[in-house]
Amino acid sequence: MSKYSLANTTKEERAERFAQAEAINSLGAKQVASEDQVLFQRHIDGELEIEEVTQM
């Protein structure tokens, strides 16, 4: 089981990790697509494991 799995993280931890990733992206990478933001929000909400998000 991944340390980033839903069972091992809280909603707040998942939201913070996504916010950190967005901050890093803002330093020069392209903005996260709206479709991807929806998938990441589903992960934050506990609907999808991060592995499922990255496979979509």
N, C-alpha and C. Protein backbone atom coordinates (compact mmCIF):
# COMPACT_ATOMS: atom_id res chain seq x y z
N MET A 1 0.85 -1.18 0.00
CA MET A 1 0.00 0.00 0.00
C MET A 1 0.89 1.24 0.00
N SER A 2 0.58 2.16 -0.87
CA SER A 2 1.35 3.38 -1.02
C SER A 2 1.16 4.32 0.17
N LYS A 3 2.23 5.05 0.48
CA LYS A 3 2.09 6.03 1.57
C LYS A 3 1.14 7.16 1.17
N TYR A 4 0.81 7.25 -0.13
CA TYR A 4 -0.11 8.27 -0.62
C TYR A 4 -1.52 7.72 -0.83
N SER A 5 -1.77 6.48 -0.40
CA SER A 5 -3.09 5.88 -0.60
C SER A 5 -4.13 6.60 0.27
N LEU A 6 -5.37 6.40 -0.09
CA LEU A 6 -6.46 7.03 0.66
C LEU A 6 -6.45 6.58 2.13
N ALA A 7 -6.11 5.31 2.34
CA ALA A 7 -6.09 4.78 3.71
C ALA A 7 -4.99 5.41 4.57
N ASN A 8 -3.94 5.91 3.93
CA ASN A 8 -2.79 6.45 4.67
C ASN A 8 -2.74 7.97 4.70
N THR A 9 -3.73 8.63 4.14
CA THR A 9 -3.72 10.10 4.10
C THR A 9 -5.09 10.65 4.48
N THR A 10 -5.08 11.87 4.97
CA THR A 10 -6.34 12.57 5.24
C THR A 10 -6.69 13.45 4.05
N LYS A 11 -7.91 13.89 4.01
CA LYS A 11 -8.32 14.81 2.94
C LYS A 11 -7.46 16.06 2.96
N GLU A 12 -7.15 16.55 4.14
CA GLU A 12 -6.32 17.76 4.26
C GLU A 12 -4.91 17.52 3.73
N GLU A 13 -4.35 16.36 4.01
CA GLU A 13 -3.01 16.05 3.49
C GLU A 13 -3.02 15.96 1.97
N ARG A 14 -4.06 15.34 1.41
CA ARG A 14 -4.14 15.23 -0.05
C ARG A 14 -4.30 16.61 -0.69
N ALA A 15 -5.10 17.46 -0.08
CA ALA A 15 -5.30 18.82 -0.60
C ALA A 15 -4.00 19.62 -0.53
N GLU A 16 -3.27 19.48 0.56
CA GLU A 16 -1.99 20.20 0.72
C GLU A 16 -0.97 19.72 -0.30
N ARG A 17 -0.91 18.41 -0.52
CA ARG A 17 0.03 17.86 -1.50
C ARG A 17 -0.29 18.39 -2.91
N PHE A 18 -1.58 18.48 -3.26
CA PHE A 18 -1.97 19.02 -4.56
C PHE A 18 -1.62 20.51 -4.64
N ALA A 19 -1.85 21.26 -3.58
CA ALA A 19 -1.51 22.68 -3.57
C ALA A 19 -0.01 22.88 -3.75
N GLN A 20 0.79 22.04 -3.13
CA GLN A 20 2.24 22.13 -3.30
C GLN A 20 2.65 21.82 -4.74
N ALA A 21 2.03 20.83 -5.33
CA ALA A 21 2.33 20.48 -6.72
C ALA A 21 1.96 21.63 -7.66
N GLU A 22 0.81 22.26 -7.43
CA GLU A 22 0.42 23.41 -8.24
C GLU A 22 1.41 24.56 -8.09
N ALA A 23 1.89 24.78 -6.87
CA ALA A 23 2.86 25.86 -6.62
C ALA A 23 4.15 25.60 -7.39
N ILE A 24 4.61 24.36 -7.36
CA ILE A 24 5.82 24.02 -8.11
C ILE A 24 5.58 24.21 -9.60
N ASN A 25 4.43 23.79 -10.08
CA ASN A 25 4.09 23.96 -11.50
C ASN A 25 4.09 25.43 -11.91
N SER A 26 3.68 26.30 -11.01
CA SER A 26 3.58 27.72 -11.34
C SER A 26 4.95 28.35 -11.60
N LEU A 27 6.01 27.65 -11.27
CA LEU A 27 7.35 28.18 -11.47
C LEU A 27 7.84 28.04 -12.90
N GLY A 28 7.03 27.47 -13.77
CA GLY A 28 7.47 27.39 -15.15
C GLY A 28 6.80 26.33 -15.99
N ALA A 29 6.11 25.41 -15.39
CA ALA A 29 5.42 24.38 -16.16
C ALA A 29 4.05 24.90 -16.59
N LYS A 30 3.45 24.19 -17.52
CA LYS A 30 2.11 24.61 -17.95
C LYS A 30 1.11 24.34 -16.83
N GLN A 31 0.03 25.09 -16.83
CA GLN A 31 -1.00 24.97 -15.81
C GLN A 31 -1.69 23.61 -15.92
N VAL A 32 -2.12 23.07 -14.80
CA VAL A 32 -2.83 21.79 -14.77
C VAL A 32 -4.15 21.97 -15.53
N ALA A 33 -4.41 21.07 -16.46
CA ALA A 33 -5.64 21.13 -17.25
C ALA A 33 -6.86 20.96 -16.36
N SER A 34 -7.96 21.59 -16.73
CA SER A 34 -9.18 21.54 -15.91
C SER A 34 -9.67 20.10 -15.74
N GLU A 35 -9.51 19.25 -16.77
CA GLU A 35 -9.93 17.85 -16.65
C GLU A 35 -9.10 17.14 -15.58
N ASP A 36 -7.82 17.47 -15.53
CA ASP A 36 -6.94 16.86 -14.54
C ASP A 36 -7.26 17.38 -13.15
N GLN A 37 -7.62 18.65 -13.04
CA GLN A 37 -7.99 19.21 -11.75
C GLN A 37 -9.20 18.47 -11.17
N VAL A 38 -10.15 18.12 -12.06
CA VAL A 38 -11.34 17.37 -11.62
C VAL A 38 -10.92 16.01 -11.07
N LEU A 39 -10.00 15.33 -11.77
CA LEU A 39 -9.54 14.03 -11.30
C LEU A 39 -8.81 14.14 -9.97
N PHE A 40 -7.95 15.14 -9.84
CA PHE A 40 -7.23 15.33 -8.58
C PHE A 40 -8.19 15.67 -7.45
N GLN A 41 -9.24 16.43 -7.74
CA GLN A 41 -10.23 16.75 -6.71
C GLN A 41 -10.94 15.47 -6.26
N ARG A 42 -11.21 14.58 -7.19
CA ARG A 42 -11.82 13.29 -6.83
C ARG A 42 -10.89 12.49 -5.92
N HIS A 43 -9.57 12.60 -6.15
CA HIS A 43 -8.62 11.94 -5.25
C HIS A 43 -8.65 12.61 -3.87
N ILE A 44 -8.62 13.93 -3.86
CA ILE A 44 -8.67 14.66 -2.58
C ILE A 44 -9.93 14.29 -1.80
N ASP A 45 -11.04 14.14 -2.52
CA ASP A 45 -12.32 13.81 -1.87
C ASP A 45 -12.42 12.34 -1.46
N GLY A 46 -11.42 11.54 -1.82
CA GLY A 46 -11.41 10.14 -1.41
C GLY A 46 -12.12 9.20 -2.37
N GLU A 47 -12.40 9.65 -3.58
CA GLU A 47 -13.10 8.82 -4.56
C GLU A 47 -12.16 7.97 -5.41
N LEU A 48 -10.94 8.43 -5.64
CA LEU A 48 -9.98 7.73 -6.49
C LEU A 48 -8.63 7.66 -5.79
N GLU A 49 -7.96 6.51 -5.93
CA GLU A 49 -6.58 6.40 -5.48
C GLU A 49 -5.71 7.20 -6.44
N ILE A 50 -4.56 7.67 -5.98
CA ILE A 50 -3.67 8.46 -6.83
C ILE A 50 -3.22 7.64 -8.05
N GLU A 51 -3.07 6.34 -7.90
CA GLU A 51 -2.69 5.49 -9.02
C GLU A 51 -3.77 5.53 -10.11
N GLU A 52 -5.03 5.58 -9.70
CA GLU A 52 -6.13 5.65 -10.67
C GLU A 52 -6.09 6.98 -11.42
N VAL A 53 -5.78 8.04 -10.70
CA VAL A 53 -5.72 9.37 -11.32
C VAL A 53 -4.61 9.41 -12.37
N THR A 54 -3.46 8.88 -12.03
CA THR A 54 -2.32 8.97 -12.95
C THR A 54 -2.47 8.04 -14.15
N GLN A 55 -3.36 7.06 -14.06
CA GLN A 55 -3.58 6.15 -15.18
C GLN A 55 -4.64 6.67 -16.14
N MET A 56 -5.39 7.67 -15.75
CA MET A 56 -6.49 8.16 -16.60
C MET A 56 -5.99 9.13 -17.63
